[in-house]
Amino acid sequence: MDFEKLKLELNLSVEQTLKYYEIIKYFEEDRASLLKDLEATGNDSKKEKNKLLQISYQYQEHVLENILNEEQKIIAHEFIKRYMPGVVDYSDELKAEVIETLALDSVQVEQYLAINNAFVKAFHDSHDKFHGNKQTASMYWNQYNESRKYALKKLFSQEQYAQYIELTTKESYRGQFSSK
């Protein structure tokens, strides 16, 4: 994750900035150590690495909250959620927001969730084709996302689909491997 970018988005005071750098440095060193230990165990699969990183980033967010105001906490939460490793689909919060904002009926909710699950499964199933190649992974993500959009366009009314696109634009990065 690019914590310099987050720092700019947070618009920190001088005092906050000093504490921010201490926290970032601590967690970056801790993650490096944890990853080294994981590698030493021989159980350093991508899944295990992502699991370890996700826990570390979540804990880091919790520690950062101690120096942030309410608005900054929201920005930090969204940033960390956005760039969380191993996440290829829209957040649960966004999916719930789509369901609520689009006022989906029970049949639409069921189909919407099934379409999203199919997207995630297809992307994960093609993992061996792009493992380690972010450009190819992004190509697959975009291809499967277009298929998802096509299916949702049939499920939603024109107005609902336009709202869906508007809502999901804020999380269009997931799976596109734009994080550092």
N, C-alpha and C. Protein backbone atom coordinates (compact mmCIF):
# COMPACT_ATOMS: atom_id res chain seq x y z
N MET A 1 0.84 -1.18 0.00
CA MET A 1 0.00 0.00 0.00
C MET A 1 0.88 1.24 0.00
N ASP A 2 0.40 2.24 -0.66
CA ASP A 2 1.14 3.49 -0.75
C ASP A 2 0.68 4.42 0.37
N PHE A 3 1.38 4.35 1.49
CA PHE A 3 0.97 5.15 2.65
C PHE A 3 1.34 6.62 2.52
N GLU A 4 2.20 6.95 1.57
CA GLU A 4 2.46 8.37 1.26
C GLU A 4 1.21 8.98 0.62
N LYS A 5 0.59 8.20 -0.24
CA LYS A 5 -0.64 8.66 -0.89
C LYS A 5 -1.74 8.85 0.16
N LEU A 6 -1.84 7.89 1.08
CA LEU A 6 -2.84 8.02 2.15
C LEU A 6 -2.56 9.27 2.98
N LYS A 7 -1.30 9.50 3.30
CA LYS A 7 -0.94 10.67 4.12
C LYS A 7 -1.44 11.95 3.46
N LEU A 8 -1.28 12.04 2.15
CA LEU A 8 -1.74 13.24 1.44
C LEU A 8 -3.26 13.37 1.51
N GLU A 9 -3.96 12.26 1.39
CA GLU A 9 -5.42 12.28 1.45
C GLU A 9 -5.92 12.67 2.84
N LEU A 10 -5.14 12.34 3.87
CA LEU A 10 -5.57 12.61 5.24
C LEU A 10 -5.37 14.06 5.66
N ASN A 11 -4.49 14.77 4.97
CA ASN A 11 -4.23 16.18 5.31
C ASN A 11 -3.91 16.31 6.81
N LEU A 12 -2.83 15.63 7.21
CA LEU A 12 -2.45 15.54 8.62
C LEU A 12 -1.80 16.83 9.13
N SER A 13 -1.96 17.07 10.42
CA SER A 13 -1.24 18.16 11.08
C SER A 13 0.21 17.72 11.25
N VAL A 14 1.07 18.64 11.66
CA VAL A 14 2.49 18.31 11.87
C VAL A 14 2.62 17.24 12.95
N GLU A 15 1.88 17.42 14.04
CA GLU A 15 1.93 16.45 15.14
C GLU A 15 1.43 15.07 14.68
N GLN A 16 0.33 15.05 13.94
CA GLN A 16 -0.20 13.79 13.42
C GLN A 16 0.79 13.13 12.47
N THR A 17 1.45 13.93 11.66
CA THR A 17 2.40 13.40 10.67
C THR A 17 3.54 12.64 11.35
N LEU A 18 4.07 13.20 12.42
CA LEU A 18 5.16 12.53 13.14
C LEU A 18 4.69 11.17 13.67
N LYS A 19 3.53 11.13 14.30
CA LYS A 19 2.99 9.88 14.83
C LYS A 19 2.65 8.92 13.69
N TYR A 20 2.13 9.45 12.60
CA TYR A 20 1.76 8.64 11.44
C TYR A 20 2.99 7.88 10.93
N TYR A 21 4.10 8.60 10.75
CA TYR A 21 5.32 7.95 10.25
C TYR A 21 5.84 6.89 11.21
N GLU A 22 5.71 7.12 12.50
CA GLU A 22 6.12 6.11 13.49
C GLU A 22 5.29 4.84 13.32
N ILE A 23 3.99 5.02 13.18
CA ILE A 23 3.08 3.86 13.03
C ILE A 23 3.38 3.13 11.73
N ILE A 24 3.51 3.87 10.63
CA ILE A 24 3.77 3.24 9.33
C ILE A 24 5.08 2.46 9.38
N LYS A 25 6.12 3.08 9.91
CA LYS A 25 7.44 2.42 9.99
C LYS A 25 7.34 1.13 10.80
N TYR A 26 6.68 1.21 11.96
CA TYR A 26 6.54 0.03 12.80
C TYR A 26 5.86 -1.11 12.04
N PHE A 27 4.74 -0.81 11.38
CA PHE A 27 3.98 -1.88 10.72
C PHE A 27 4.68 -2.39 9.48
N GLU A 28 5.38 -1.54 8.76
CA GLU A 28 6.13 -2.03 7.59
C GLU A 28 7.24 -2.98 8.02
N GLU A 29 7.93 -2.63 9.10
CA GLU A 29 8.98 -3.53 9.61
C GLU A 29 8.37 -4.82 10.15
N ASP A 30 7.26 -4.69 10.85
CA ASP A 30 6.59 -5.87 11.39
C ASP A 30 6.12 -6.80 10.27
N ARG A 31 5.52 -6.22 9.21
CA ARG A 31 5.06 -7.05 8.09
C ARG A 31 6.23 -7.76 7.41
N ALA A 32 7.33 -7.06 7.24
CA ALA A 32 8.52 -7.68 6.62
C ALA A 32 8.98 -8.87 7.45
N SER A 33 8.99 -8.70 8.76
CA SER A 33 9.39 -9.78 9.66
C SER A 33 8.40 -10.95 9.62
N LEU A 34 7.12 -10.62 9.64
CA LEU A 34 6.08 -11.66 9.59
C LEU A 34 6.17 -12.46 8.28
N LEU A 35 6.38 -11.76 7.17
CA LEU A 35 6.49 -12.44 5.88
C LEU A 35 7.73 -13.32 5.82
N LYS A 36 8.81 -12.85 6.40
CA LYS A 36 10.04 -13.64 6.45
C LYS A 36 9.82 -14.91 7.28
N ASP A 37 9.16 -14.76 8.43
CA ASP A 37 8.84 -15.92 9.27
C ASP A 37 7.92 -16.90 8.55
N LEU A 38 6.94 -16.36 7.83
CA LEU A 38 6.02 -17.21 7.09
C LEU A 38 6.77 -17.99 6.02
N GLU A 39 7.67 -17.33 5.33
CA GLU A 39 8.47 -17.99 4.30
C GLU A 39 9.32 -19.09 4.91
N ALA A 40 9.86 -18.85 6.10
CA ALA A 40 10.70 -19.84 6.78
C ALA A 40 9.93 -21.11 7.13
N THR A 41 8.61 -20.96 7.35
CA THR A 41 7.80 -22.14 7.69
C THR A 41 7.50 -23.00 6.46
N GLY A 42 7.71 -22.41 5.27
CA GLY A 42 7.39 -23.13 4.05
C GLY A 42 5.93 -23.04 3.67
N ASN A 43 5.16 -22.36 4.47
CA ASN A 43 3.72 -22.20 4.21
C ASN A 43 3.45 -20.77 3.76
N ASP A 44 4.17 -20.35 2.72
CA ASP A 44 4.05 -18.97 2.27
C ASP A 44 3.28 -18.85 0.95
N SER A 45 2.18 -19.57 0.89
CA SER A 45 1.33 -19.48 -0.29
C SER A 45 0.75 -18.07 -0.37
N LYS A 46 0.28 -17.72 -1.54
CA LYS A 46 -0.33 -16.39 -1.72
C LYS A 46 -1.50 -16.22 -0.76
N LYS A 47 -2.27 -17.27 -0.57
CA LYS A 47 -3.42 -17.21 0.34
C LYS A 47 -2.97 -16.89 1.76
N GLU A 48 -1.93 -17.57 2.22
CA GLU A 48 -1.43 -17.33 3.58
C GLU A 48 -0.83 -15.94 3.71
N LYS A 49 -0.11 -15.50 2.69
CA LYS A 49 0.47 -14.15 2.72
C LYS A 49 -0.64 -13.09 2.78
N ASN A 50 -1.65 -13.26 1.94
CA ASN A 50 -2.75 -12.30 1.94
C ASN A 50 -3.47 -12.27 3.27
N LYS A 51 -3.67 -13.44 3.86
CA LYS A 51 -4.33 -13.53 5.16
C LYS A 51 -3.52 -12.77 6.21
N LEU A 52 -2.22 -12.99 6.22
CA LEU A 52 -1.34 -12.31 7.17
C LEU A 52 -1.35 -10.80 6.94
N LEU A 53 -1.26 -10.39 5.68
CA LEU A 53 -1.24 -8.96 5.35
C LEU A 53 -2.57 -8.29 5.71
N GLN A 54 -3.67 -8.97 5.45
CA GLN A 54 -4.98 -8.40 5.77
C GLN A 54 -5.11 -8.14 7.26
N ILE A 55 -4.68 -9.09 8.08
CA ILE A 55 -4.74 -8.91 9.53
C ILE A 55 -3.85 -7.75 9.96
N SER A 56 -2.66 -7.68 9.39
CA SER A 56 -1.74 -6.61 9.73
C SER A 56 -2.29 -5.24 9.35
N TYR A 57 -2.82 -5.11 8.14
CA TYR A 57 -3.38 -3.83 7.71
C TYR A 57 -4.60 -3.42 8.55
N GLN A 58 -5.41 -4.40 8.92
CA GLN A 58 -6.58 -4.09 9.76
C GLN A 58 -6.13 -3.59 11.14
N TYR A 59 -5.11 -4.23 11.69
CA TYR A 59 -4.60 -3.80 12.98
C TYR A 59 -3.95 -2.42 12.85
N GLN A 60 -3.22 -2.21 11.77
CA GLN A 60 -2.61 -0.90 11.53
C GLN A 60 -3.68 0.19 11.47
N GLU A 61 -4.77 -0.09 10.78
CA GLU A 61 -5.86 0.88 10.71
C GLU A 61 -6.37 1.20 12.12
N HIS A 62 -6.52 0.17 12.93
CA HIS A 62 -7.00 0.36 14.31
C HIS A 62 -6.04 1.27 15.09
N VAL A 63 -4.75 1.07 14.94
CA VAL A 63 -3.76 1.89 15.64
C VAL A 63 -3.77 3.32 15.10
N LEU A 64 -3.89 3.46 13.79
CA LEU A 64 -3.95 4.80 13.19
C LEU A 64 -5.14 5.61 13.70
N GLU A 65 -6.23 4.94 13.98
CA GLU A 65 -7.43 5.64 14.45
C GLU A 65 -7.17 6.47 15.70
N ASN A 66 -6.17 6.08 16.48
CA ASN A 66 -5.85 6.81 17.71
C ASN A 66 -5.33 8.22 17.46
N ILE A 67 -4.83 8.48 16.26
CA ILE A 67 -4.28 9.82 15.98
C ILE A 67 -5.15 10.60 14.98
N LEU A 68 -6.23 10.00 14.51
CA LEU A 68 -7.05 10.63 13.47
C LEU A 68 -8.36 11.17 14.01
N ASN A 69 -8.87 12.21 13.34
CA ASN A 69 -10.22 12.68 13.67
C ASN A 69 -11.23 11.81 12.92
N GLU A 70 -12.50 12.03 13.14
CA GLU A 70 -13.54 11.17 12.56
C GLU A 70 -13.49 11.14 11.03
N GLU A 71 -13.32 12.29 10.42
CA GLU A 71 -13.26 12.35 8.96
C GLU A 71 -12.04 11.59 8.43
N GLN A 72 -10.92 11.75 9.09
CA GLN A 72 -9.69 11.06 8.68
C GLN A 72 -9.81 9.55 8.86
N LYS A 73 -10.52 9.13 9.90
CA LYS A 73 -10.74 7.69 10.12
C LYS A 73 -11.47 7.07 8.94
N ILE A 74 -12.46 7.78 8.44
CA ILE A 74 -13.24 7.28 7.30
C ILE A 74 -12.34 7.19 6.06
N ILE A 75 -11.54 8.21 5.83
CA ILE A 75 -10.63 8.22 4.68
C ILE A 75 -9.64 7.06 4.78
N ALA A 76 -9.05 6.87 5.96
CA ALA A 76 -8.09 5.79 6.16
C ALA A 76 -8.75 4.43 5.96
N HIS A 77 -9.94 4.26 6.52
CA HIS A 77 -10.66 2.99 6.38
C HIS A 77 -10.92 2.67 4.90
N GLU A 78 -11.43 3.65 4.17
CA GLU A 78 -11.72 3.44 2.75
C GLU A 78 -10.46 3.14 1.96
N PHE A 79 -9.38 3.83 2.27
CA PHE A 79 -8.11 3.62 1.57
C PHE A 79 -7.59 2.21 1.81
N ILE A 80 -7.54 1.82 3.08
CA ILE A 80 -7.01 0.48 3.41
C ILE A 80 -7.90 -0.60 2.83
N LYS A 81 -9.20 -0.40 2.90
CA LYS A 81 -10.13 -1.36 2.32
C LYS A 81 -9.92 -1.46 0.80
N ARG A 82 -9.71 -0.31 0.18
CA ARG A 82 -9.54 -0.24 -1.28
C ARG A 82 -8.32 -1.01 -1.74
N TYR A 83 -7.23 -0.91 -0.98
CA TYR A 83 -5.97 -1.52 -1.42
C TYR A 83 -5.61 -2.80 -0.67
N MET A 84 -6.57 -3.36 0.01
CA MET A 84 -6.34 -4.59 0.76
C MET A 84 -5.93 -5.72 -0.19
N PRO A 85 -4.80 -6.37 0.07
CA PRO A 85 -4.36 -7.45 -0.82
C PRO A 85 -5.30 -8.65 -0.78
N GLY A 86 -5.44 -9.27 -1.92
CA GLY A 86 -6.23 -10.49 -2.00
C GLY A 86 -7.72 -10.27 -2.19
N VAL A 87 -8.15 -9.02 -2.30
CA VAL A 87 -9.57 -8.72 -2.46
C VAL A 87 -9.83 -8.39 -3.92
N VAL A 88 -10.71 -9.13 -4.55
CA VAL A 88 -10.96 -8.92 -5.98
C VAL A 88 -12.37 -8.43 -6.28
N ASP A 89 -13.22 -8.43 -5.29
CA ASP A 89 -14.60 -8.03 -5.54
C ASP A 89 -14.93 -6.78 -4.75
N TYR A 90 -16.07 -6.23 -5.00
CA TYR A 90 -16.53 -5.06 -4.26
C TYR A 90 -16.73 -5.43 -2.80
N SER A 91 -16.57 -4.45 -1.94
CA SER A 91 -16.71 -4.69 -0.51
C SER A 91 -18.15 -5.07 -0.16
N ASP A 92 -18.29 -5.74 0.96
CA ASP A 92 -19.63 -6.10 1.44
C ASP A 92 -20.47 -4.86 1.69
N GLU A 93 -19.81 -3.79 2.17
CA GLU A 93 -20.53 -2.54 2.40
C GLU A 93 -21.10 -1.99 1.10
N LEU A 94 -20.30 -2.05 0.04
CA LEU A 94 -20.78 -1.53 -1.24
C LEU A 94 -21.91 -2.40 -1.79
N LYS A 95 -21.78 -3.69 -1.66
CA LYS A 95 -22.86 -4.58 -2.13
C LYS A 95 -24.17 -4.27 -1.39
N ALA A 96 -24.07 -4.06 -0.08
CA ALA A 96 -25.26 -3.71 0.70
C ALA A 96 -25.82 -2.36 0.26
N GLU A 97 -24.93 -1.43 -0.04
CA GLU A 97 -25.37 -0.10 -0.50
C GLU A 97 -26.08 -0.21 -1.85
N VAL A 98 -25.57 -1.07 -2.73
CA VAL A 98 -26.21 -1.28 -4.03
C VAL A 98 -27.62 -1.83 -3.82
N ILE A 99 -27.74 -2.84 -2.98
CA ILE A 99 -29.05 -3.46 -2.72
C ILE A 99 -30.04 -2.42 -2.18
N GLU A 100 -29.58 -1.61 -1.24
CA GLU A 100 -30.45 -0.62 -0.63
C GLU A 100 -30.77 0.53 -1.58
N THR A 101 -29.77 1.09 -2.21
CA THR A 101 -29.95 2.26 -3.07
C THR A 101 -30.80 1.93 -4.29
N LEU A 102 -30.56 0.76 -4.87
CA LEU A 102 -31.31 0.37 -6.05
C LEU A 102 -32.68 -0.20 -5.70
N ALA A 103 -32.94 -0.36 -4.39
CA ALA A 103 -34.21 -0.90 -3.90
C ALA A 103 -34.53 -2.22 -4.60
N LEU A 104 -33.57 -3.13 -4.56
CA LEU A 104 -33.76 -4.43 -5.23
C LEU A 104 -34.80 -5.26 -4.50
N ASP A 105 -35.63 -5.95 -5.28
CA ASP A 105 -36.58 -6.87 -4.67
C ASP A 105 -35.84 -8.17 -4.33
N SER A 106 -36.50 -9.08 -3.66
CA SER A 106 -35.84 -10.30 -3.17
C SER A 106 -35.26 -11.14 -4.32
N VAL A 107 -35.96 -11.20 -5.44
CA VAL A 107 -35.46 -11.97 -6.59
C VAL A 107 -34.21 -11.30 -7.15
N GLN A 108 -34.24 -9.99 -7.27
CA GLN A 108 -33.08 -9.26 -7.77
C GLN A 108 -31.88 -9.40 -6.83
N VAL A 109 -32.13 -9.36 -5.53
CA VAL A 109 -31.04 -9.52 -4.56
C VAL A 109 -30.38 -10.87 -4.75
N GLU A 110 -31.18 -11.91 -4.84
CA GLU A 110 -30.66 -13.27 -5.01
C GLU A 110 -29.83 -13.37 -6.29
N GLN A 111 -30.36 -12.83 -7.38
CA GLN A 111 -29.64 -12.89 -8.66
C GLN A 111 -28.39 -12.01 -8.64
N TYR A 112 -28.48 -10.83 -8.04
CA TYR A 112 -27.34 -9.92 -7.94
C TYR A 112 -26.19 -10.60 -7.20
N LEU A 113 -26.50 -11.22 -6.06
CA LEU A 113 -25.46 -11.90 -5.28
C LEU A 113 -24.90 -13.10 -6.03
N ALA A 114 -25.76 -13.83 -6.75
CA ALA A 114 -25.30 -14.97 -7.54
C ALA A 114 -24.35 -14.52 -8.66
N ILE A 115 -24.67 -13.42 -9.31
CA ILE A 115 -23.82 -12.89 -10.38
C ILE A 115 -22.47 -12.47 -9.80
N ASN A 116 -22.47 -11.80 -8.65
CA ASN A 116 -21.20 -11.42 -8.02
C ASN A 116 -20.38 -12.64 -7.62
N ASN A 117 -21.06 -13.64 -7.06
CA ASN A 117 -20.34 -14.86 -6.68
C ASN A 117 -19.75 -15.57 -7.89
N ALA A 118 -20.47 -15.57 -9.00
CA ALA A 118 -19.96 -16.18 -10.23
C ALA A 118 -18.73 -15.43 -10.73
N PHE A 119 -18.76 -14.10 -10.62
CA PHE A 119 -17.61 -13.28 -11.01
C PHE A 119 -16.38 -13.66 -10.19
N VAL A 120 -16.54 -13.72 -8.87
CA VAL A 120 -15.42 -14.04 -7.98
C VAL A 120 -14.90 -15.44 -8.27
N LYS A 121 -15.81 -16.39 -8.45
CA LYS A 121 -15.40 -17.77 -8.73
C LYS A 121 -14.64 -17.85 -10.05
N ALA A 122 -15.14 -17.20 -11.08
CA ALA A 122 -14.47 -17.23 -12.39
C ALA A 122 -13.07 -16.63 -12.29
N PHE A 123 -12.97 -15.53 -11.58
CA PHE A 123 -11.66 -14.88 -11.44
C PHE A 123 -10.70 -15.79 -10.67
N HIS A 124 -11.15 -16.34 -9.56
CA HIS A 124 -10.29 -17.23 -8.77
C HIS A 124 -9.92 -18.49 -9.55
N ASP A 125 -10.87 -19.03 -10.30
CA ASP A 125 -10.61 -20.25 -11.08
C ASP A 125 -9.57 -20.02 -12.17
N SER A 126 -9.44 -18.80 -12.63
CA SER A 126 -8.45 -18.52 -13.69
C SER A 126 -7.11 -18.09 -13.11
N HIS A 127 -6.96 -18.17 -11.80
CA HIS A 127 -5.74 -17.70 -11.12
C HIS A 127 -4.46 -18.28 -11.72
N ASP A 128 -4.45 -19.57 -12.04
CA ASP A 128 -3.24 -20.20 -12.57
C ASP A 128 -2.79 -19.60 -13.89
N LYS A 129 -3.72 -19.00 -14.62
CA LYS A 129 -3.38 -18.40 -15.91
C LYS A 129 -2.64 -17.07 -15.75
N PHE A 130 -2.81 -16.42 -14.61
CA PHE A 130 -2.18 -15.10 -14.46
C PHE A 130 -1.30 -14.98 -13.22
N HIS A 131 -1.13 -16.04 -12.49
CA HIS A 131 -0.36 -15.98 -11.24
C HIS A 131 0.96 -15.24 -11.43
N GLY A 132 1.13 -14.18 -10.65
CA GLY A 132 2.37 -13.41 -10.69
C GLY A 132 2.45 -12.36 -11.78
N ASN A 133 1.43 -12.29 -12.63
CA ASN A 133 1.45 -11.32 -13.72
C ASN A 133 0.28 -10.37 -13.55
N LYS A 134 0.56 -9.21 -12.99
CA LYS A 134 -0.52 -8.26 -12.66
C LYS A 134 -1.25 -7.76 -13.91
N GLN A 135 -0.52 -7.61 -14.99
CA GLN A 135 -1.16 -7.11 -16.22
C GLN A 135 -2.18 -8.13 -16.74
N THR A 136 -1.80 -9.39 -16.76
CA THR A 136 -2.72 -10.43 -17.21
C THR A 136 -3.88 -10.58 -16.23
N ALA A 137 -3.58 -10.48 -14.94
CA ALA A 137 -4.64 -10.57 -13.92
C ALA A 137 -5.65 -9.44 -14.13
N SER A 138 -5.16 -8.25 -14.38
CA SER A 138 -6.04 -7.11 -14.61
C SER A 138 -6.89 -7.34 -15.85
N MET A 139 -6.29 -7.92 -16.89
CA MET A 139 -7.03 -8.22 -18.11
C MET A 139 -8.19 -9.18 -17.81
N TYR A 140 -7.90 -10.24 -17.04
CA TYR A 140 -8.95 -11.19 -16.68
C TYR A 140 -10.02 -10.52 -15.82
N TRP A 141 -9.58 -9.71 -14.85
CA TRP A 141 -10.54 -9.03 -13.98
C TRP A 141 -11.48 -8.17 -14.82
N ASN A 142 -10.92 -7.40 -15.72
CA ASN A 142 -11.74 -6.53 -16.57
C ASN A 142 -12.68 -7.34 -17.46
N GLN A 143 -12.18 -8.44 -17.99
CA GLN A 143 -13.00 -9.30 -18.85
C GLN A 143 -14.18 -9.86 -18.06
N TYR A 144 -13.90 -10.40 -16.86
CA TYR A 144 -14.98 -10.96 -16.05
C TYR A 144 -15.92 -9.87 -15.53
N ASN A 145 -15.37 -8.71 -15.25
CA ASN A 145 -16.20 -7.60 -14.79
C ASN A 145 -17.16 -7.15 -15.89
N GLU A 146 -16.70 -7.16 -17.13
CA GLU A 146 -17.59 -6.80 -18.25
C GLU A 146 -18.72 -7.82 -18.36
N SER A 147 -18.40 -9.09 -18.15
CA SER A 147 -19.45 -10.12 -18.16
C SER A 147 -20.44 -9.90 -17.03
N ARG A 148 -19.92 -9.53 -15.88
CA ARG A 148 -20.80 -9.24 -14.73
C ARG A 148 -21.72 -8.07 -15.06
N LYS A 149 -21.16 -7.01 -15.62
CA LYS A 149 -21.96 -5.83 -15.98
C LYS A 149 -23.04 -6.20 -17.00
N TYR A 150 -22.70 -7.04 -17.97
CA TYR A 150 -23.65 -7.46 -18.99
C TYR A 150 -24.83 -8.18 -18.34
N ALA A 151 -24.52 -9.09 -17.41
CA ALA A 151 -25.58 -9.84 -16.72
C ALA A 151 -26.43 -8.90 -15.85
N LEU A 152 -25.78 -7.96 -15.19
CA LEU A 152 -26.52 -7.03 -14.33
C LEU A 152 -27.39 -6.07 -15.14
N LYS A 153 -26.93 -5.74 -16.32
CA LYS A 153 -27.71 -4.85 -17.19
C LYS A 153 -29.04 -5.50 -17.55
N LYS A 154 -29.02 -6.82 -17.70
CA LYS A 154 -30.26 -7.56 -17.98
C LYS A 154 -31.15 -7.65 -16.74
N LEU A 155 -30.53 -7.71 -15.57
CA LEU A 155 -31.27 -7.86 -14.32
C LEU A 155 -31.89 -6.55 -13.85
N PHE A 156 -31.17 -5.46 -13.99
CA PHE A 156 -31.61 -4.17 -13.48
C PHE A 156 -32.38 -3.38 -14.53
N SER A 157 -33.20 -2.45 -14.04
CA SER A 157 -33.82 -1.47 -14.95
C SER A 157 -32.70 -0.52 -15.40
N GLN A 158 -32.97 0.29 -16.40
CA GLN A 158 -31.97 1.26 -16.87
C GLN A 158 -31.53 2.17 -15.73
N GLU A 159 -32.49 2.65 -14.95
CA GLU A 159 -32.19 3.55 -13.85
C GLU A 159 -31.34 2.84 -12.78
N GLN A 160 -31.71 1.60 -12.46
CA GLN A 160 -30.95 0.84 -11.48
C GLN A 160 -29.52 0.60 -11.97
N TYR A 161 -29.39 0.26 -13.24
CA TYR A 161 -28.06 -0.01 -13.78
C TYR A 161 -27.19 1.25 -13.73
N ALA A 162 -27.77 2.39 -14.07
CA ALA A 162 -27.02 3.66 -14.01
C ALA A 162 -26.57 3.95 -12.58
N GLN A 163 -27.45 3.69 -11.62
CA GLN A 163 -27.09 3.88 -10.21
C GLN A 163 -25.99 2.90 -9.80
N TYR A 164 -26.09 1.67 -10.27
CA TYR A 164 -25.07 0.66 -9.97
C TYR A 164 -23.70 1.12 -10.47
N ILE A 165 -23.63 1.58 -11.69
CA ILE A 165 -22.36 2.04 -12.26
C ILE A 165 -21.82 3.21 -11.45
N GLU A 166 -22.68 4.12 -11.08
CA GLU A 166 -22.26 5.27 -10.28
C GLU A 166 -21.69 4.83 -8.93
N LEU A 167 -22.37 3.90 -8.27
CA LEU A 167 -21.92 3.43 -6.97
C LEU A 167 -20.61 2.65 -7.06
N THR A 168 -20.51 1.78 -8.05
CA THR A 168 -19.34 0.91 -8.13
C THR A 168 -18.11 1.62 -8.68
N THR A 169 -18.29 2.77 -9.27
CA THR A 169 -17.14 3.50 -9.79
C THR A 169 -16.14 3.81 -8.67
N LYS A 170 -16.65 4.04 -7.46
CA LYS A 170 -15.75 4.36 -6.36
C LYS A 170 -14.92 3.17 -5.91
N GLU A 171 -15.28 1.97 -6.34
CA GLU A 171 -14.49 0.79 -6.00
C GLU A 171 -14.05 0.03 -7.24
N SER A 172 -13.94 0.71 -8.35
CA SER A 172 -13.58 0.02 -9.58
C SER A 172 -12.15 -0.49 -9.57
N TYR A 173 -11.37 -0.09 -8.57
CA TYR A 173 -9.98 -0.51 -8.46
C TYR A 173 -9.84 -1.94 -7.99
N ARG A 174 -10.82 -2.49 -7.30
CA ARG A 174 -10.65 -3.82 -6.72
C ARG A 174 -10.35 -4.84 -7.81
N GLY A 175 -9.27 -5.55 -7.61
CA GLY A 175 -8.90 -6.58 -8.57
C GLY A 175 -8.09 -6.06 -9.72
N GLN A 176 -8.00 -4.75 -9.85
CA GLN A 176 -7.24 -4.20 -10.96
C GLN A 176 -5.77 -4.04 -10.60
N PHE A 177 -5.41 -4.41 -9.39
CA PHE A 177 -4.02 -4.48 -8.95
C PHE A 177 -3.28 -3.16 -9.11
N SER A 178 -3.96 -2.10 -8.73
CA SER A 178 -3.34 -0.79 -8.83
C SER A 178 -2.57 -0.41 -7.57
N SER A 179 -2.70 -1.21 -6.52
CA SER A 179 -2.00 -0.87 -5.28
C SER A 179 -0.53 -1.26 -5.41
N LYS A 180 0.27 -0.67 -4.54
CA LYS A 180 1.71 -0.94 -4.58
C LYS A 180 2.06 -2.09 -3.68
